[in-house]
Amino acid sequence: MRKSLFLCFIGLFVITFSGVTIAQENTEHACKAPYDSLFQRNLFIISEQKPTYPGGSKQLQKHLLKYVHFTKKGKREGLFSRLTFFLQVEKDGKVSAIKVWDSQKRDLVKAGIIEIRRLLKILARFKPGKCHNKPVAYKITLPIHIHWG
């Protein structure tokens, strides 16, 4: 009787601690960012805490529209009513890359329609996104509808 009770206790002990290590392994894998083909690197799009801009998303939209510069080619092509901004926010909160697409899924920066170099220098740092309380690189998608005139 004592021997079987002892073996049950040992079995329960092994099962309990093996479950803890399995749970720890699962949380480590949960903090791996998927590959993002737009920026060609691993970036989070969903995490426990998203990056936040000082003043909120409305302030971010104002800054983006204030400092985006349409080139001569962009002015010839006409006015855009909807732009989608993709921002790459690093672990320290700095924006390291920006892509801008129109409603037809065209990269306006590559097409030479929009100039954004100044924008990268002017944008304030974000409060970085976090996964398991550690800062992570993050991709923010921000659609903006523009009303001209």
Protein backbone atom coordinates (compact mmCIF):
# COMPACT_ATOMS: atom_id res chain seq x y z
CA MET A 1 0.00 0.00 0.00
CA ARG A 2 2.74 2.45 0.95
CA LYS A 3 4.73 1.54 -2.14
CA SER A 4 1.79 2.23 -4.48
CA LEU A 5 1.02 5.49 -2.66
CA PHE A 6 4.66 6.53 -3.02
CA LEU A 7 4.64 5.69 -6.77
CA CYS A 8 1.42 7.67 -7.24
CA PHE A 9 3.01 10.64 -5.48
CA ILE A 10 6.14 10.43 -7.67
CA GLY A 11 3.97 10.15 -10.80
CA LEU A 12 1.92 13.18 -9.77
CA PHE A 13 5.12 15.14 -9.03
CA VAL A 14 6.57 14.34 -12.49
CA ILE A 15 3.34 15.20 -14.30
CA THR A 16 2.99 18.50 -12.41
CA PHE A 17 6.50 19.75 -13.16
CA SER A 18 6.52 18.55 -16.77
CA GLY A 19 3.33 20.58 -17.28
CA VAL A 20 5.07 23.69 -15.97
CA THR A 21 7.92 23.35 -18.44
CA ILE A 22 5.48 22.79 -21.31
CA ALA A 23 3.59 25.95 -20.32
CA GLN A 24 6.84 27.92 -20.17
CA GLU A 25 7.86 26.70 -23.63
CA ASN A 26 4.46 27.73 -25.07
CA THR A 27 4.75 31.30 -23.73
CA GLU A 28 8.22 31.67 -25.23
CA HIS A 29 6.91 30.69 -28.67
CA ALA A 30 3.93 33.01 -28.33
CA CYS A 31 6.28 35.99 -28.49
CA LYS A 32 7.66 35.30 -31.97
CA ALA A 33 6.73 37.87 -34.61
CA PRO A 34 5.53 36.66 -38.01
CA TYR A 35 7.41 37.57 -41.20
CA ASP A 36 6.10 40.74 -42.82
CA SER A 37 6.57 40.79 -46.60
CA LEU A 38 6.03 44.55 -46.89
CA PHE A 39 9.00 45.47 -44.67
CA GLN A 40 10.78 42.13 -45.30
CA ARG A 41 11.44 41.30 -41.64
CA ASN A 42 9.67 39.86 -38.59
CA LEU A 43 7.25 42.39 -37.08
CA PHE A 44 4.37 42.13 -34.67
CA ILE A 45 0.92 43.22 -35.79
CA ILE A 46 -0.82 41.91 -32.67
CA SER A 47 0.65 41.80 -29.17
CA GLU A 48 -0.31 42.39 -25.56
CA GLN A 49 0.32 46.12 -25.86
CA LYS A 50 0.34 48.09 -29.12
CA PRO A 51 2.69 51.03 -29.63
CA THR A 52 1.06 54.35 -28.79
CA TYR A 53 1.84 57.77 -30.22
CA PRO A 54 2.08 60.80 -27.90
CA GLY A 55 -1.29 62.54 -28.23
CA GLY A 56 -3.03 59.49 -29.73
CA SER A 57 -3.92 58.42 -33.26
CA LYS A 58 -5.59 61.72 -34.21
CA GLN A 59 -2.35 63.57 -33.47
CA LEU A 60 -0.42 60.99 -35.52
CA GLN A 61 -2.77 61.51 -38.48
CA LYS A 62 -2.27 65.29 -38.27
CA HIS A 63 1.52 64.89 -38.29
CA LEU A 64 1.45 62.44 -41.19
CA LEU A 65 -0.72 64.68 -43.36
CA LYS A 66 1.17 67.84 -42.38
CA TYR A 67 4.60 66.51 -43.36
CA VAL A 68 3.82 64.25 -46.32
CA HIS A 69 4.99 66.03 -49.43
CA PHE A 70 3.47 65.25 -52.83
CA THR A 71 6.06 65.43 -55.63
CA LYS A 72 5.40 67.09 -59.00
CA LYS A 73 4.50 63.67 -60.39
CA GLY A 74 2.03 63.18 -57.54
CA LYS A 75 0.39 66.55 -58.16
CA ARG A 76 0.01 65.71 -61.87
CA GLU A 77 -1.66 62.38 -61.07
CA GLY A 78 -4.40 64.07 -59.05
CA LEU A 79 -5.73 64.09 -55.53
CA PHE A 80 -6.00 60.96 -53.44
CA SER A 81 -8.99 60.42 -51.18
CA ARG A 82 -7.63 57.48 -49.18
CA LEU A 83 -4.07 56.69 -48.20
CA THR A 84 -2.87 53.79 -46.08
CA PHE A 85 0.26 54.37 -44.02
CA PHE A 86 2.34 51.42 -42.81
CA LEU A 87 4.79 52.37 -40.07
CA GLN A 88 7.62 50.20 -38.77
CA VAL A 89 8.07 51.02 -35.07
CA GLU A 90 11.27 49.68 -33.49
CA LYS A 91 11.79 48.39 -29.95
CA ASP A 92 12.90 51.85 -28.80
CA GLY A 93 9.76 53.50 -30.24
CA LYS A 94 11.49 55.13 -33.22
CA VAL A 95 9.79 54.91 -36.63
CA SER A 96 12.40 53.42 -38.96
CA ALA A 97 10.37 53.01 -42.15
CA ILE A 98 7.11 54.21 -43.67
CA LYS A 99 5.24 52.89 -46.68
CA VAL A 100 2.29 54.73 -48.21
CA TRP A 101 -0.23 53.04 -50.49
CA ASP A 102 -3.26 54.39 -52.30
CA SER A 103 -6.62 52.67 -52.70
CA GLN A 104 -5.31 50.72 -55.74
CA LYS A 105 -2.57 49.08 -53.61
CA ARG A 106 0.21 51.13 -55.22
CA ASP A 107 3.33 51.99 -53.21
CA LEU A 108 3.32 55.78 -53.62
CA VAL A 109 6.82 56.26 -52.22
CA LYS A 110 8.37 53.81 -54.72
CA ALA A 111 6.31 55.37 -57.50
CA GLY A 112 7.82 58.77 -56.68
CA ILE A 113 4.46 60.34 -55.85
CA ILE A 114 5.09 61.05 -52.15
CA GLU A 115 8.20 62.25 -50.33
CA ILE A 116 8.52 61.02 -46.71
CA ARG A 117 12.19 61.46 -45.75
CA ARG A 118 11.43 64.54 -43.64
CA LEU A 119 8.58 62.70 -41.94
CA LEU A 120 10.87 60.05 -40.45
CA LYS A 121 13.00 62.73 -38.78
CA ILE A 122 10.05 64.76 -37.46
CA LEU A 123 7.83 62.03 -35.96
CA ALA A 124 8.00 61.73 -32.18
CA ARG A 125 8.90 58.39 -30.65
CA PHE A 126 6.12 55.96 -29.90
CA LYS A 127 5.71 54.21 -26.59
CA PRO A 128 6.82 50.80 -27.91
CA GLY A 129 4.61 47.75 -28.16
CA LYS A 130 5.26 44.94 -25.71
CA CYS A 131 5.06 41.17 -25.61
CA HIS A 132 5.54 39.55 -22.19
CA ASN A 133 6.58 42.98 -20.89
CA LYS A 134 9.50 43.23 -23.37
CA PRO A 135 9.57 45.91 -26.10
CA VAL A 136 9.08 44.51 -29.62
CA ALA A 137 9.27 45.79 -33.19
CA TYR A 138 5.77 46.42 -34.54
CA LYS A 139 3.94 47.25 -37.78
CA ILE A 140 1.15 49.82 -37.57
CA THR A 141 -1.43 50.14 -40.34
CA LEU A 142 -3.20 53.48 -40.45
CA PRO A 143 -5.80 54.24 -43.16
CA ILE A 144 -6.47 57.95 -43.60
CA HIS A 145 -9.31 59.50 -45.58
CA ILE A 146 -8.36 62.89 -46.99
CA HIS A 147 -10.87 65.65 -47.61
CA TRP A 148 -9.38 68.20 -50.00
CA GLY A 149 -10.41 71.82 -50.02
